[in-house]
């Protein structure tokens, strides 16, 4: 057994949930009563906090208001050929035979590897951001609706941005920090981060933001800065 951590003292075990993955691995989830996370924050003072703005991006999952090194994600895309090969082998097997059961587990292990790679990457990235910043600002966008209306469902789900936001939320809460959600209708992409002017029209194909004030920068970086400043305004209010 791989045990992640010892349970807190003076806690009572409520239930144990045992689950089996399609690949054949077993997991036991233990639920304890009485455990509470210690909030490390005292009275909140937002005058001198480090705020990071995050804007969703189709390529690379997210763009930040500051330079943060990220590895190339897209784990499903990287393993897509291998997964397709194993699925073709499965389709040729006689359903219910030993070869079918064996091949079905191989396909399940491929999916499990992709899922584990994505989760591990997002855990490490969210931990690094949580340690470095006091406030993280994101747009309150509906990822499910976005995947349906833009027909980029595979790419959006592969990024795991919704999972990333959830990880940031609870990890920041553990440290007494905060995740601020900016309204989804806030014109973060159309607003100039230098002069504040808002463009009336901005096509999705325009990847570089250009303003009459002379500001010229990456569209997503400009949006991330605007999200950060909007969160600062919301906290000050």
Foldseek 3Di string as FASTA:
>chain_A
DDDPDDDDPPKAWDDWDWDAFLLGDIDIDTDIPDDDQDQQDDPDDLPDFFEKFWEADLFQGIDILDDDDADGFLLCVVCVVVLVVLVVQLVPDDPPDPSNSVSSSVSRVSVVVLVVVLVVRLLVVLVVVLVPGQEYEYEPDDLVVVCVPVVVVVSSVRSCNVVSVVSNQVSSRSHNGHYHYDYNPPQLLQAALPPGDGDPDDDPPPQWDQDPVGDIGGSRSSSRSSRRVVVSVVVVD
